[in-house]
Amino acid sequence: MNMAIYKEEWVFVVIQNPGVNEHIAGMQDQETNVDFIPTFKKKEEAAECFINMPREAGNKYEVQAIIFEDLKAYAVENNFIIFFLDKQGKILERVKP
């Protein structure tokens, strides 16, 4: 699937510890050992999928919007690939910034 994503488009990610030492939550694909940022086109999909995502105890999490170009810059800086997921966590698109 080739999703049309524009650099100024808002997408949704999970923020770990919002407001205090916050950062974008990343994950690792166990099959390929690839570090990725779960990303969503809709906030509702992110919230629904997040319920089933593994989380570190003692941390707070929140779904927030980010401009796609800013997410790409963060991914490059932190050695992540961007995976667009649906609400069930199925990979729709892989974006290597």
PDB file of N, CA and C in Angstrom:
ATOM      1  N   MET A   1       0.847  -1.174   0.000  1.00  0.00           N
ATOM      2  CA  MET A   1       0.000   0.000   0.000  1.00  0.00           C
ATOM      3  C   MET A   1       0.890   1.233   0.000  1.00  0.00           C
ATOM      4  N   ASN A   2       0.607   2.166  -0.864  1.00  0.00           N
ATOM      5  CA  ASN A   2       1.380   3.393  -0.943  1.00  0.00           C
ATOM      6  C   ASN A   2       0.499   4.550  -0.489  1.00  0.00           C
ATOM      7  N   MET A   3       0.701   4.965   0.762  1.00  0.00           N
ATOM      8  CA  MET A   3      -0.113   6.027   1.346  1.00  0.00           C
ATOM      9  C   MET A   3       0.461   7.374   0.935  1.00  0.00           C
ATOM     10  N   ALA A   4      -0.413   8.312   0.603  1.00  0.00           N
ATOM     11  CA  ALA A   4       0.027   9.668   0.295  1.00  0.00           C
ATOM     12  C   ALA A   4       0.161  10.437   1.607  1.00  0.00           C
ATOM     13  N   ILE A   5       1.392  10.758   1.966  1.00  0.00           N
ATOM     14  CA  ILE A   5       1.667  11.514   3.183  1.00  0.00           C
ATOM     15  C   ILE A   5       2.427  12.762   2.761  1.00  0.00           C
ATOM     16  N   TYR A   6       1.932  13.903   3.173  1.00  0.00           N
ATOM     17  CA  TYR A   6       2.561  15.171   2.829  1.00  0.00           C
ATOM     18  C   TYR A   6       3.411  15.646   3.995  1.00  0.00           C
ATOM     19  N   LYS A   7       4.532  16.320   3.687  1.00  0.00           N
ATOM     20  CA  LYS A   7       5.473  16.693   4.735  1.00  0.00           C
ATOM     21  C   LYS A   7       4.874  17.607   5.787  1.00  0.00           C
ATOM     22  N   GLU A   8       3.859  18.389   5.455  1.00  0.00           N
ATOM     23  CA  GLU A   8       3.224  19.289   6.429  1.00  0.00           C
ATOM     24  C   GLU A   8       1.953  18.688   7.045  1.00  0.00           C
ATOM     25  N   GLU A   9       1.691  17.431   6.761  1.00  0.00           N
ATOM     26  CA  GLU A   9       0.497  16.757   7.278  1.00  0.00           C
ATOM     27  C   GLU A   9       0.697  16.363   8.739  1.00  0.00           C
ATOM     28  N   TRP A  10      -0.378  16.456   9.513  1.00  0.00           N
ATOM     29  CA  TRP A  10      -0.351  16.007  10.906  1.00  0.00           C
ATOM     30  C   TRP A  10      -0.586  14.508  10.941  1.00  0.00           C
ATOM     31  N   VAL A  11       0.234  13.808  11.724  1.00  0.00           N
ATOM     32  CA  VAL A  11       0.052  12.384  11.967  1.00  0.00           C
ATOM     33  C   VAL A  11       0.061  12.197  13.481  1.00  0.00           C
ATOM     34  N   PHE A  12      -0.213  10.988  13.943  1.00  0.00           N
ATOM     35  CA  PHE A  12      -0.348  10.751  15.378  1.00  0.00           C
ATOM     36  C   PHE A  12       0.628   9.684  15.852  1.00  0.00           C
ATOM     37  N   VAL A  13       1.258   9.981  16.979  1.00  0.00           N
ATOM     38  CA  VAL A  13       2.227   9.082  17.604  1.00  0.00           C
ATOM     39  C   VAL A  13       1.922   9.021  19.098  1.00  0.00           C
ATOM     40  N   VAL A  14       2.582   8.108  19.786  1.00  0.00           N
ATOM     41  CA  VAL A  14       2.434   7.998  21.238  1.00  0.00           C
ATOM     42  C   VAL A  14       3.642   8.679  21.879  1.00  0.00           C
ATOM     43  N   ILE A  15       3.366   9.569  22.806  1.00  0.00           N
ATOM     44  CA  ILE A  15       4.415  10.269  23.543  1.00  0.00           C
ATOM     45  C   ILE A  15       4.568   9.607  24.909  1.00  0.00           C
ATOM     46  N   GLN A  16       5.795   9.273  25.255  1.00  0.00           N
ATOM     47  CA  GLN A  16       6.089   8.697  26.567  1.00  0.00           C
ATOM     48  C   GLN A  16       6.476   9.819  27.516  1.00  0.00           C
ATOM     49  N   ASN A  17       5.885   9.820  28.703  1.00  0.00           N
ATOM     50  CA  ASN A  17       6.109  10.824  29.744  1.00  0.00           C
ATOM     51  C   ASN A  17       5.876  12.245  29.236  1.00  0.00           C
ATOM     52  N   PRO A  18       4.664  12.528  28.740  1.00  0.00           N
ATOM     53  CA  PRO A  18       4.385  13.863  28.207  1.00  0.00           C
ATOM     54  C   PRO A  18       4.629  14.959  29.239  1.00  0.00           C
ATOM     55  N   GLY A  19       5.310  16.009  28.785  1.00  0.00           N
ATOM     56  CA  GLY A  19       5.559  17.162  29.627  1.00  0.00           C
ATOM     57  C   GLY A  19       6.807  17.066  30.479  1.00  0.00           C
ATOM     58  N   VAL A  20       7.235  15.864  30.839  1.00  0.00           N
ATOM     59  CA  VAL A  20       8.413  15.679  31.692  1.00  0.00           C
ATOM     60  C   VAL A  20       9.335  14.671  31.003  1.00  0.00           C
ATOM     61  N   ASN A  21      10.459  15.147  30.485  1.00  0.00           N
ATOM     62  CA  ASN A  21      11.392  14.252  29.813  1.00  0.00           C
ATOM     63  C   ASN A  21      10.681  13.442  28.718  1.00  0.00           C
ATOM     64  N   GLU A  22       9.801  14.113  27.990  1.00  0.00           N
ATOM     65  CA  GLU A  22       8.990  13.401  27.005  1.00  0.00           C
ATOM     66  C   GLU A  22       9.790  13.036  25.761  1.00  0.00           C
ATOM     67  N   HIS A  23       9.370  11.954  25.141  1.00  0.00           N
ATOM     68  CA  HIS A  23       9.906  11.540  23.855  1.00  0.00           C
ATOM     69  C   HIS A  23       8.894  10.663  23.141  1.00  0.00           C
ATOM     70  N   ILE A  24       9.092  10.524  21.854  1.00  0.00           N
ATOM     71  CA  ILE A  24       8.196   9.692  21.056  1.00  0.00           C
ATOM     72  C   ILE A  24       8.491   8.232  21.360  1.00  0.00           C
ATOM     73  N   ALA A  25       7.445   7.485  21.650  1.00  0.00           N
ATOM     74  CA  ALA A  25       7.600   6.066  21.976  1.00  0.00           C
ATOM     75  C   ALA A  25       7.938   5.279  20.711  1.00  0.00           C
ATOM     76  N   GLY A  26       8.979   4.486  20.808  1.00  0.00           N
ATOM     77  CA  GLY A  26       9.383   3.619  19.714  1.00  0.00           C
ATOM     78  C   GLY A  26       9.220   2.168  20.120  1.00  0.00           C
ATOM     79  N   MET A  27       9.286   1.304  19.130  1.00  0.00           N
ATOM     80  CA  MET A  27       9.170  -0.132  19.366  1.00  0.00           C
ATOM     81  C   MET A  27      10.203  -0.847  18.504  1.00  0.00           C
ATOM     82  N   GLN A  28      10.321  -2.154  18.700  1.00  0.00           N
ATOM     83  CA  GLN A  28      11.209  -2.951  17.867  1.00  0.00           C
ATOM     84  C   GLN A  28      10.420  -4.096  17.257  1.00  0.00           C
ATOM     85  N   ASP A  29      10.552  -4.244  15.938  1.00  0.00           N
ATOM     86  CA  ASP A  29       9.948  -5.374  15.234  1.00  0.00           C
ATOM     87  C   ASP A  29      10.766  -6.610  15.593  1.00  0.00           C
ATOM     88  N   GLN A  30      10.164  -7.558  16.297  1.00  0.00           N
ATOM     89  CA  GLN A  30      10.867  -8.734  16.793  1.00  0.00           C
ATOM     90  C   GLN A  30      11.380  -9.638  15.670  1.00  0.00           C
ATOM     91  N   GLU A  31      10.714  -9.627  14.525  1.00  0.00           N
ATOM     92  CA  GLU A  31      11.133 -10.490  13.419  1.00  0.00           C
ATOM     93  C   GLU A  31      12.371  -9.957  12.711  1.00  0.00           C
ATOM     94  N   THR A  32      12.474  -8.629  12.595  1.00  0.00           N
ATOM     95  CA  THR A  32      13.564  -8.042  11.814  1.00  0.00           C
ATOM     96  C   THR A  32      14.545  -7.233  12.658  1.00  0.00           C
ATOM     97  N   ASN A  33      14.265  -7.068  13.951  1.00  0.00           N
ATOM     98  CA  ASN A  33      15.080  -6.237  14.848  1.00  0.00           C
ATOM     99  C   ASN A  33      15.175  -4.787  14.383  1.00  0.00           C
ATOM    100  N   VAL A  34      14.162  -4.303  13.696  1.00  0.00           N
ATOM    101  CA  VAL A  34      14.116  -2.923  13.223  1.00  0.00           C
ATOM    102  C   VAL A  34      13.413  -2.070  14.278  1.00  0.00           C
ATOM    103  N   ASP A  35      14.049  -0.956  14.659  1.00  0.00           N
ATOM    104  CA  ASP A  35      13.424  -0.007  15.577  1.00  0.00           C
ATOM    105  C   ASP A  35      12.513   0.916  14.768  1.00  0.00           C
ATOM    106  N   PHE A  36      11.277   1.070  15.246  1.00  0.00           N
ATOM    107  CA  PHE A  36      10.324   1.877  14.497  1.00  0.00           C
ATOM    108  C   PHE A  36       9.451   2.713  15.421  1.00  0.00           C
ATOM    109  N   ILE A  37       8.853   3.730  14.829  1.00  0.00           N
ATOM    110  CA  ILE A  37       7.894   4.574  15.532  1.00  0.00           C
ATOM    111  C   ILE A  37       6.511   4.223  14.997  1.00  0.00           C
ATOM    112  N   PRO A  38       5.608   3.709  15.854  1.00  0.00           N
ATOM    113  CA  PRO A  38       4.238   3.450  15.409  1.00  0.00           C
ATOM    114  C   PRO A  38       3.552   4.789  15.125  1.00  0.00           C
ATOM    115  N   THR A  39       3.028   4.930  13.922  1.00  0.00           N
ATOM    116  CA  THR A  39       2.453   6.194  13.460  1.00  0.00           C
ATOM    117  C   THR A  39       1.086   5.918  12.847  1.00  0.00           C
ATOM    118  N   PHE A  40       0.187   6.883  13.011  1.00  0.00           N
ATOM    119  CA  PHE A  40      -1.200   6.703  12.573  1.00  0.00           C
ATOM    120  C   PHE A  40      -1.695   7.948  11.856  1.00  0.00           C
ATOM    121  N   LYS A  41      -2.611   7.742  10.928  1.00  0.00           N
ATOM    122  CA  LYS A  41      -3.224   8.861  10.216  1.00  0.00           C
ATOM    123  C   LYS A  41      -4.339   9.500  11.041  1.00  0.00           C
ATOM    124  N   LYS A  42      -4.967   8.734  11.933  1.00  0.00           N
ATOM    125  CA  LYS A  42      -6.091   9.245  12.731  1.00  0.00           C
ATOM    126  C   LYS A  42      -5.835   9.016  14.210  1.00  0.00           C
ATOM    127  N   LYS A  43      -6.218   9.993  15.009  1.00  0.00           N
ATOM    128  CA  LYS A  43      -6.017   9.910  16.452  1.00  0.00           C
ATOM    129  C   LYS A  43      -6.769   8.730  17.054  1.00  0.00           C
ATOM    130  N   GLU A  44      -7.977   8.475  16.570  1.00  0.00           N
ATOM    131  CA  GLU A  44      -8.789   7.387  17.095  1.00  0.00           C
ATOM    132  C   GLU A  44      -8.113   6.031  16.868  1.00  0.00           C
ATOM    133  N   GLU A  45      -7.485   5.876  15.690  1.00  0.00           N
ATOM    134  CA  GLU A  45      -6.775   4.626  15.400  1.00  0.00           C
ATOM    135  C   GLU A  45      -5.584   4.447  16.335  1.00  0.00           C
ATOM    136  N   ALA A  46      -4.866   5.536  16.587  1.00  0.00           N
ATOM    137  CA  ALA A  46      -3.716   5.480  17.492  1.00  0.00           C
ATOM    138  C   ALA A  46      -4.159   5.078  18.892  1.00  0.00           C
ATOM    139  N   ALA A  47      -5.226   5.687  19.370  1.00  0.00           N
ATOM    140  CA  ALA A  47      -5.713   5.391  20.717  1.00  0.00           C
ATOM    141  C   ALA A  47      -6.177   3.942  20.825  1.00  0.00           C
ATOM    142  N   GLU A  48      -6.860   3.452  19.806  1.00  0.00           N
ATOM    143  CA  GLU A  48      -7.356   2.077  19.843  1.00  0.00           C
ATOM    144  C   GLU A  48      -6.210   1.064  19.773  1.00  0.00           C
ATOM    145  N   CYS A  49      -5.236   1.317  18.936  1.00  0.00           N
ATOM    146  CA  CYS A  49      -4.096   0.401  18.809  1.00  0.00           C
ATOM    147  C   CYS A  49      -3.214   0.459  20.045  1.00  0.00           C
ATOM    148  N   PHE A  50      -3.048   1.640  20.617  1.00  0.00           N
ATOM    149  CA  PHE A  50      -2.177   1.829  21.766  1.00  0.00           C
ATOM    150  C   PHE A  50      -2.575   0.959  22.953  1.00  0.00           C
ATOM    151  N   ILE A  51      -3.856   0.682  23.091  1.00  0.00           N
ATOM    152  CA  ILE A  51      -4.341  -0.156  24.195  1.00  0.00           C
ATOM    153  C   ILE A  51      -3.613  -1.496  24.225  1.00  0.00           C
ATOM    154  N   ASN A  52      -3.263  -2.023  23.053  1.00  0.00           N
ATOM    155  CA  ASN A  52      -2.628  -3.340  22.967  1.00  0.00           C
ATOM    156  C   ASN A  52      -1.108  -3.293  22.824  1.00  0.00           C
ATOM    157  N   MET A  53      -0.528  -2.101  22.832  1.00  0.00           N
ATOM    158  CA  MET A  53       0.923  -1.981  22.689  1.00  0.00           C
ATOM    159  C   MET A  53       1.617  -2.247  24.020  1.00  0.00           C
ATOM    160  N   PRO A  54       2.814  -2.842  23.957  1.00  0.00           N
ATOM    161  CA  PRO A  54       3.565  -3.029  25.213  1.00  0.00           C
ATOM    162  C   PRO A  54       4.009  -1.680  25.765  1.00  0.00           C
ATOM    163  N   ARG A  55       3.978  -1.552  27.083  1.00  0.00           N
ATOM    164  CA  ARG A  55       4.359  -0.298  27.732  1.00  0.00           C
ATOM    165  C   ARG A  55       5.271  -0.601  28.909  1.00  0.00           C
ATOM    166  N   GLU A  56       6.145   0.349  29.201  1.00  0.00           N
ATOM    167  CA  GLU A  56       7.029   0.227  30.356  1.00  0.00           C
ATOM    168  C   GLU A  56       6.279   0.683  31.598  1.00  0.00           C
ATOM    169  N   ALA A  57       6.343  -0.103  32.653  1.00  0.00           N
ATOM    170  CA  ALA A  57       5.682   0.250  33.903  1.00  0.00           C
ATOM    171  C   ALA A  57       6.257   1.551  34.456  1.00  0.00           C
ATOM    172  N   GLY A  58       5.400   2.358  35.045  1.00  0.00           N
ATOM    173  CA  GLY A  58       5.824   3.603  35.671  1.00  0.00           C
ATOM    174  C   GLY A  58       5.876   4.792  34.739  1.00  0.00           C
ATOM    175  N   ASN A  59       5.628   4.591  33.462  1.00  0.00           N
ATOM    176  CA  ASN A  59       5.627   5.700  32.501  1.00  0.00           C
ATOM    177  C   ASN A  59       4.200   6.074  32.128  1.00  0.00           C
ATOM    178  N   LYS A  60       4.023   7.333  31.778  1.00  0.00           N
ATOM    179  CA  LYS A  60       2.731   7.801  31.276  1.00  0.00           C
ATOM    180  C   LYS A  60       2.828   7.894  29.761  1.00  0.00           C
ATOM    181  N   TYR A  61       1.691   7.703  29.101  1.00  0.00           N
ATOM    182  CA  TYR A  61       1.656   7.731  27.646  1.00  0.00           C
ATOM    183  C   TYR A  61       0.458   8.553  27.190  1.00  0.00           C
ATOM    184  N   GLU A  62       0.629   9.205  26.039  1.00  0.00           N
ATOM    185  CA  GLU A  62      -0.439  10.038  25.500  1.00  0.00           C
ATOM    186  C   GLU A  62      -0.304  10.093  23.981  1.00  0.00           C
ATOM    187  N   VAL A  63      -1.427  10.000  23.278  1.00  0.00           N
ATOM    188  CA  VAL A  63      -1.425  10.151  21.831  1.00  0.00           C
ATOM    189  C   VAL A  63      -1.400  11.641  21.514  1.00  0.00           C
ATOM    190  N   GLN A  64      -0.452  12.035  20.640  1.00  0.00           N
ATOM    191  CA  GLN A  64      -0.339  13.435  20.247  1.00  0.00           C
ATOM    192  C   GLN A  64      -0.095  13.534  18.747  1.00  0.00           C
ATOM    193  N   ALA A  65      -0.434  14.686  18.199  1.00  0.00           N
ATOM    194  CA  ALA A  65      -0.207  14.960  16.783  1.00  0.00           C
ATOM    195  C   ALA A  65       1.183  15.561  16.596  1.00  0.00           C
ATOM    196  N   ILE A  66       1.773  15.272  15.445  1.00  0.00           N
ATOM    197  CA  ILE A  66       3.069  15.839  15.074  1.00  0.00           C
ATOM    198  C   ILE A  66       3.070  16.023  13.560  1.00  0.00           C
ATOM    199  N   ILE A  67       3.729  17.059  13.096  1.00  0.00           N
ATOM    200  CA  ILE A  67       3.859  17.267  11.656  1.00  0.00           C
ATOM    201  C   ILE A  67       4.793  16.187  11.113  1.00  0.00           C
ATOM    202  N   PHE A  68       4.394  15.575  10.012  1.00  0.00           N
ATOM    203  CA  PHE A  68       5.126  14.440   9.469  1.00  0.00           C
ATOM    204  C   PHE A  68       6.599  14.768   9.228  1.00  0.00           C
ATOM    205  N   GLU A  69       6.906  15.946   8.713  1.00  0.00           N
ATOM    206  CA  GLU A  69       8.299  16.328   8.458  1.00  0.00           C
ATOM    207  C   GLU A  69       9.108  16.356   9.763  1.00  0.00           C
ATOM    208  N   ASP A  70       8.488  16.817  10.858  1.00  0.00           N
ATOM    209  CA  ASP A  70       9.164  16.823  12.164  1.00  0.00           C
ATOM    210  C   ASP A  70       9.389  15.399  12.669  1.00  0.00           C
ATOM    211  N   LEU A  71       8.417  14.527  12.423  1.00  0.00           N
ATOM    212  CA  LEU A  71       8.562  13.122  12.811  1.00  0.00           C
ATOM    213  C   LEU A  71       9.707  12.473  12.042  1.00  0.00           C
ATOM    214  N   LYS A  72       9.806  12.759  10.757  1.00  0.00           N
ATOM    215  CA  LYS A  72      10.896  12.212   9.959  1.00  0.00           C
ATOM    216  C   LYS A  72      12.248  12.661  10.499  1.00  0.00           C
ATOM    217  N   ALA A  73      12.363  13.923  10.876  1.00  0.00           N
ATOM    218  CA  ALA A  73      13.618  14.434  11.429  1.00  0.00           C
ATOM    219  C   ALA A  73      13.962  13.725  12.738  1.00  0.00           C
ATOM    220  N   TYR A  74      12.962  13.523  13.585  1.00  0.00           N
ATOM    221  CA  TYR A  74      13.166  12.810  14.854  1.00  0.00           C
ATOM    222  C   TYR A  74      13.606  11.368  14.581  1.00  0.00           C
ATOM    223  N   ALA A  75      12.974  10.731  13.608  1.00  0.00           N
ATOM    224  CA  ALA A  75      13.303   9.344  13.283  1.00  0.00           C
ATOM    225  C   ALA A  75      14.751   9.223  12.806  1.00  0.00           C
ATOM    226  N   VAL A  76      15.191  10.136  11.959  1.00  0.00           N
ATOM    227  CA  VAL A  76      16.572  10.113  11.477  1.00  0.00           C
ATOM    228  C   VAL A  76      17.539  10.308  12.636  1.00  0.00           C
ATOM    229  N   GLU A  77      17.255  11.287  13.474  1.00  0.00           N
ATOM    230  CA  GLU A  77      18.134  11.613  14.600  1.00  0.00           C
ATOM    231  C   GLU A  77      18.269  10.456  15.589  1.00  0.00           C
ATOM    232  N   ASN A  78      17.205   9.649  15.714  1.00  0.00           N
ATOM    233  CA  ASN A  78      17.181   8.579  16.706  1.00  0.00           C
ATOM    234  C   ASN A  78      17.212   7.173  16.103  1.00  0.00           C
ATOM    235  N   ASN A  79      17.550   7.087  14.823  1.00  0.00           N
ATOM    236  CA  ASN A  79      17.704   5.800  14.121  1.00  0.00           C
ATOM    237  C   ASN A  79      16.450   4.936  14.130  1.00  0.00           C
ATOM    238  N   PHE A  80      15.328   5.545  13.811  1.00  0.00           N
ATOM    239  CA  PHE A  80      14.059   4.828  13.707  1.00  0.00           C
ATOM    240  C   PHE A  80      13.569   4.827  12.267  1.00  0.00           C
ATOM    241  N   ILE A  81      12.769   3.833  11.940  1.00  0.00           N
ATOM    242  CA  ILE A  81      11.964   3.832  10.718  1.00  0.00           C
ATOM    243  C   ILE A  81      10.539   4.142  11.165  1.00  0.00           C
ATOM    244  N   ILE A  82       9.751   4.704  10.293  1.00  0.00           N
ATOM    245  CA  ILE A  82       8.360   5.034  10.617  1.00  0.00           C
ATOM    246  C   ILE A  82       7.473   3.936  10.032  1.00  0.00           C
ATOM    247  N   PHE A  83       6.644   3.334  10.882  1.00  0.00           N
ATOM    248  CA  PHE A  83       5.658   2.353  10.428  1.00  0.00           C
ATOM    249  C   PHE A  83       4.278   2.967  10.624  1.00  0.00           C
ATOM    250  N   PHE A  84       3.542   3.137   9.534  1.00  0.00           N
ATOM    251  CA  PHE A  84       2.139   3.517   9.658  1.00  0.00           C
ATOM    252  C   PHE A  84       1.355   2.244   9.940  1.00  0.00           C
ATOM    253  N   LEU A  85       0.557   2.294  10.990  1.00  0.00           N
ATOM    254  CA  LEU A  85      -0.227   1.133  11.423  1.00  0.00           C
ATOM    255  C   LEU A  85      -1.712   1.443  11.354  1.00  0.00           C
ATOM    256  N   ASP A  86      -2.525   0.390  11.286  1.00  0.00           N
ATOM    257  CA  ASP A  86      -3.962   0.571  11.426  1.00  0.00           C
ATOM    258  C   ASP A  86      -4.325   0.342  12.891  1.00  0.00           C
ATOM    259  N   LYS A  87      -5.591   0.400  13.214  1.00  0.00           N
ATOM    260  CA  LYS A  87      -6.000   0.300  14.622  1.00  0.00           C
ATOM    261  C   LYS A  87      -5.749  -1.077  15.227  1.00  0.00           C
ATOM    262  N   GLN A  88      -5.538  -2.109  14.395  1.00  0.00           N
ATOM    263  CA  GLN A  88      -5.202  -3.441  14.901  1.00  0.00           C
ATOM    264  C   GLN A  88      -3.691  -3.643  15.015  1.00  0.00           C
ATOM    265  N   GLY A  89      -2.908  -2.663  14.581  1.00  0.00           N
ATOM    266  CA  GLY A  89      -1.460  -2.777  14.636  1.00  0.00           C
ATOM    267  C   GLY A  89      -0.840  -3.376  13.384  1.00  0.00           C
ATOM    268  N   LYS A  90      -1.631  -3.577  12.349  1.00  0.00           N
ATOM    269  CA  LYS A  90      -1.126  -4.101  11.081  1.00  0.00           C
ATOM    270  C   LYS A  90      -0.348  -2.997  10.366  1.00  0.00           C
ATOM    271  N   ILE A  91       0.816  -3.359   9.816  1.00  0.00           N
ATOM    272  CA  ILE A  91       1.648  -2.378   9.100  1.00  0.00           C
ATOM    273  C   ILE A  91       1.015  -2.056   7.753  1.00  0.00           C
ATOM    274  N   LEU A  92       0.750  -0.761   7.552  1.00  0.00           N
ATOM    275  CA  LEU A  92       0.191  -0.299   6.284  1.00  0.00           C
ATOM    276  C   LEU A  92       1.289   0.208   5.360  1.00  0.00           C
ATOM    277  N   GLU A  93       2.305   0.812   5.942  1.00  0.00           N
ATOM    278  CA  GLU A  93       3.374   1.427   5.153  1.00  0.00           C
ATOM    279  C   GLU A  93       4.629   1.566   6.007  1.00  0.00           C
ATOM    280  N   ARG A  94       5.779   1.343   5.412  1.00  0.00           N
ATOM    281  CA  ARG A  94       7.063   1.567   6.067  1.00  0.00           C
ATOM    282  C   ARG A  94       7.699   2.777   5.392  1.00  0.00           C
ATOM    283  N   VAL A  95       8.166   3.727   6.190  1.00  0.00           N
ATOM    284  CA  VAL A  95       8.807   4.919   5.641  1.00  0.00           C
ATOM    285  C   VAL A  95      10.205   5.020   6.246  1.00  0.00           C
ATOM    286  N   LYS A  96      11.194   4.950   5.387  1.00  0.00           N
ATOM    287  CA  LYS A  96      12.570   5.128   5.850  1.00  0.00           C
ATOM    288  C   LYS A  96      12.954   6.572   5.545  1.00  0.00           C
ATOM    289  N   PRO A  97      13.032   7.390   6.592  1.00  0.00           N
ATOM    290  CA  PRO A  97      13.312   8.828   6.355  1.00  0.00           C
ATOM    291  C   PRO A  97      14.694   9.080   5.779  1.00  0.00           C
TER     292      PRO A  97
END
